[in-house]
């Protein structure tokens, strides 16, 4: 009995990882855009900060944002491959 990864498992894994990456890109971009505007509004009134400084502050906040988004990423990221496989099966 072989417990290797077969063709079907690789296909499902590839589809799921691609969907998770797409969900991370979309949700991360939206949340980082909102964070950038919030930082620009709060920091821009107190100090003369340029675009690169504000972008740097937003990127520093990115790991915490990704941790907060992780449950939603897996929720939305796994819905894509699962819903596509349901359509094919029925």
C-alpha atoms as a PDB file:
ATOM      1  CA  UNK A   1       0.000   0.000   0.000  1.00  0.00           C
ATOM      2  CA  UNK A   2       1.491   3.318  -1.079  1.00  0.00           C
ATOM      3  CA  UNK A   3       0.950   6.506   0.885  1.00  0.00           C
ATOM      4  CA  UNK A   4       2.568   8.805  -1.666  1.00  0.00           C
ATOM      5  CA  UNK A   5       0.931  11.928  -2.937  1.00  0.00           C
ATOM      6  CA  UNK A   6      -1.052  11.090  -6.043  1.00  0.00           C
ATOM      7  CA  UNK A   7      -2.137  13.198  -8.963  1.00  0.00           C
ATOM      8  CA  UNK A   8      -5.516  14.053  -7.434  1.00  0.00           C
ATOM      9  CA  UNK A   9      -3.968  15.221  -4.164  1.00  0.00           C
ATOM     10  CA  UNK A  10      -1.474  17.426  -6.020  1.00  0.00           C
ATOM     11  CA  UNK A  11      -4.305  18.933  -8.069  1.00  0.00           C
ATOM     12  CA  UNK A  12      -6.403  19.738  -4.993  1.00  0.00           C
ATOM     13  CA  UNK A  13      -3.370  21.116  -3.151  1.00  0.00           C
ATOM     14  CA  UNK A  14      -2.376  23.310  -6.102  1.00  0.00           C
ATOM     15  CA  UNK A  15      -5.912  24.702  -6.459  1.00  0.00           C
ATOM     16  CA  UNK A  16      -6.248  25.333  -2.720  1.00  0.00           C
ATOM     17  CA  UNK A  17      -2.868  27.069  -2.384  1.00  0.00           C
ATOM     18  CA  UNK A  18      -3.602  29.246  -5.426  1.00  0.00           C
ATOM     19  CA  UNK A  19      -6.967  30.204  -3.987  1.00  0.00           C
ATOM     20  CA  UNK A  20      -5.422  30.989  -0.588  1.00  0.00           C
ATOM     21  CA  UNK A  21      -2.786  33.173  -2.238  1.00  0.00           C
ATOM     22  CA  UNK A  22      -5.455  35.022  -4.204  1.00  0.00           C
ATOM     23  CA  UNK A  23      -7.521  35.584  -1.055  1.00  0.00           C
ATOM     24  CA  UNK A  24      -4.421  36.879   0.755  1.00  0.00           C
ATOM     25  CA  UNK A  25      -3.626  39.255  -2.096  1.00  0.00           C
ATOM     26  CA  UNK A  26      -7.147  40.669  -2.354  1.00  0.00           C
ATOM     27  CA  UNK A  27      -7.942  40.961   1.352  1.00  0.00           C
ATOM     28  CA  UNK A  28      -4.438  42.137   2.203  1.00  0.00           C
ATOM     29  CA  UNK A  29      -4.523  44.839  -0.457  1.00  0.00           C
ATOM     30  CA  UNK A  30      -7.906  46.119   0.692  1.00  0.00           C
ATOM     31  CA  UNK A  31      -6.982  46.189   4.361  1.00  0.00           C
ATOM     32  CA  UNK A  32      -3.568  47.735   3.680  1.00  0.00           C
ATOM     33  CA  UNK A  33      -5.199  50.443   1.580  1.00  0.00           C
ATOM     34  CA  UNK A  34      -7.518  51.313   4.449  1.00  0.00           C
ATOM     35  CA  UNK A  35      -4.584  51.202   6.891  1.00  0.00           C
ATOM     36  CA  UNK A  36      -2.542  53.476   4.610  1.00  0.00           C
ATOM     37  CA  UNK A  37      -5.332  56.053   4.476  1.00  0.00           C
ATOM     38  CA  UNK A  38      -5.779  55.868   8.251  1.00  0.00           C
ATOM     39  CA  UNK A  39      -2.052  56.310   8.894  1.00  0.00           C
ATOM     40  CA  UNK A  40      -1.857  59.146   6.371  1.00  0.00           C
ATOM     41  CA  UNK A  41      -4.739  60.912   8.064  1.00  0.00           C
ATOM     42  CA  UNK A  42      -3.404  60.491  11.601  1.00  0.00           C
ATOM     43  CA  UNK A  43       0.329  61.032  10.943  1.00  0.00           C
ATOM     44  CA  UNK A  44      -0.062  63.562   8.152  1.00  0.00           C
ATOM     45  CA  UNK A  45      -1.701  66.096  10.447  1.00  0.00           C
ATOM     46  CA  UNK A  46       1.077  65.918  13.054  1.00  0.00           C
ATOM     47  CA  UNK A  47       4.216  65.626  10.969  1.00  0.00           C
ATOM     48  CA  UNK A  48       5.415  66.305   7.486  1.00  0.00           C
ATOM     49  CA  UNK A  49       5.599  62.724   6.202  1.00  0.00           C
ATOM     50  CA  UNK A  50       6.013  61.760   2.587  1.00  0.00           C
ATOM     51  CA  UNK A  51       4.518  58.897   0.655  1.00  0.00           C
ATOM     52  CA  UNK A  52       7.445  56.544   1.272  1.00  0.00           C
ATOM     53  CA  UNK A  53       7.417  57.108   5.030  1.00  0.00           C
ATOM     54  CA  UNK A  54       3.676  56.426   5.181  1.00  0.00           C
ATOM     55  CA  UNK A  55       4.100  53.336   3.030  1.00  0.00           C
ATOM     56  CA  UNK A  56       6.900  52.135   5.305  1.00  0.00           C
ATOM     57  CA  UNK A  57       4.662  52.555   8.372  1.00  0.00           C
ATOM     58  CA  UNK A  58       1.896  50.638   6.620  1.00  0.00           C
ATOM     59  CA  UNK A  59       4.254  47.780   5.700  1.00  0.00           C
ATOM     60  CA  UNK A  60       5.419  47.608   9.323  1.00  0.00           C
ATOM     61  CA  UNK A  61       1.812  46.992  10.291  1.00  0.00           C
ATOM     62  CA  UNK A  62       1.393  44.201   7.677  1.00  0.00           C
ATOM     63  CA  UNK A  63       2.354  41.138   9.791  1.00  0.00           C
ATOM     64  CA  UNK A  64      -0.183  41.995  12.486  1.00  0.00           C
ATOM     65  CA  UNK A  65      -2.803  42.567   9.816  1.00  0.00           C
ATOM     66  CA  UNK A  66      -2.102  39.190   8.192  1.00  0.00           C
ATOM     67  CA  UNK A  67      -2.474  37.434  11.543  1.00  0.00           C
ATOM     68  CA  UNK A  68      -5.849  39.064  12.077  1.00  0.00           C
ATOM     69  CA  UNK A  69      -6.937  38.157   8.532  1.00  0.00           C
ATOM     70  CA  UNK A  70      -5.780  34.512   8.722  1.00  0.00           C
ATOM     71  CA  UNK A  71      -9.153  32.956   9.671  1.00  0.00           C
ATOM     72  CA  UNK A  72     -10.914  34.866   6.891  1.00  0.00           C
ATOM     73  CA  UNK A  73      -8.200  33.946   4.407  1.00  0.00           C
ATOM     74  CA  UNK A  74      -8.701  30.259   5.050  1.00  0.00           C
ATOM     75  CA  UNK A  75     -12.472  30.657   5.006  1.00  0.00           C
ATOM     76  CA  UNK A  76     -12.606  32.478   1.677  1.00  0.00           C
ATOM     77  CA  UNK A  77      -9.565  30.739   0.234  1.00  0.00           C
ATOM     78  CA  UNK A  78     -11.003  27.260   0.606  1.00  0.00           C
ATOM     79  CA  UNK A  79     -14.438  28.220  -0.693  1.00  0.00           C
ATOM     80  CA  UNK A  80     -13.091  28.716  -4.221  1.00  0.00           C
ATOM     81  CA  UNK A  81     -11.734  25.220  -4.913  1.00  0.00           C
ATOM     82  CA  UNK A  82     -14.566  23.550  -3.022  1.00  0.00           C
ATOM     83  CA  UNK A  83     -17.319  25.331  -4.922  1.00  0.00           C
ATOM     84  CA  UNK A  84     -15.614  24.611  -8.258  1.00  0.00           C
ATOM     85  CA  UNK A  85     -15.389  20.904  -7.440  1.00  0.00           C
ATOM     86  CA  UNK A  86     -19.073  20.767  -6.466  1.00  0.00           C
ATOM     87  CA  UNK A  87     -20.100  22.123  -9.872  1.00  0.00           C
ATOM     88  CA  UNK A  88     -18.053  19.488 -11.666  1.00  0.00           C
ATOM     89  CA  UNK A  89     -19.338  16.641  -9.501  1.00  0.00           C
ATOM     90  CA  UNK A  90     -23.039  17.394  -9.957  1.00  0.00           C
END
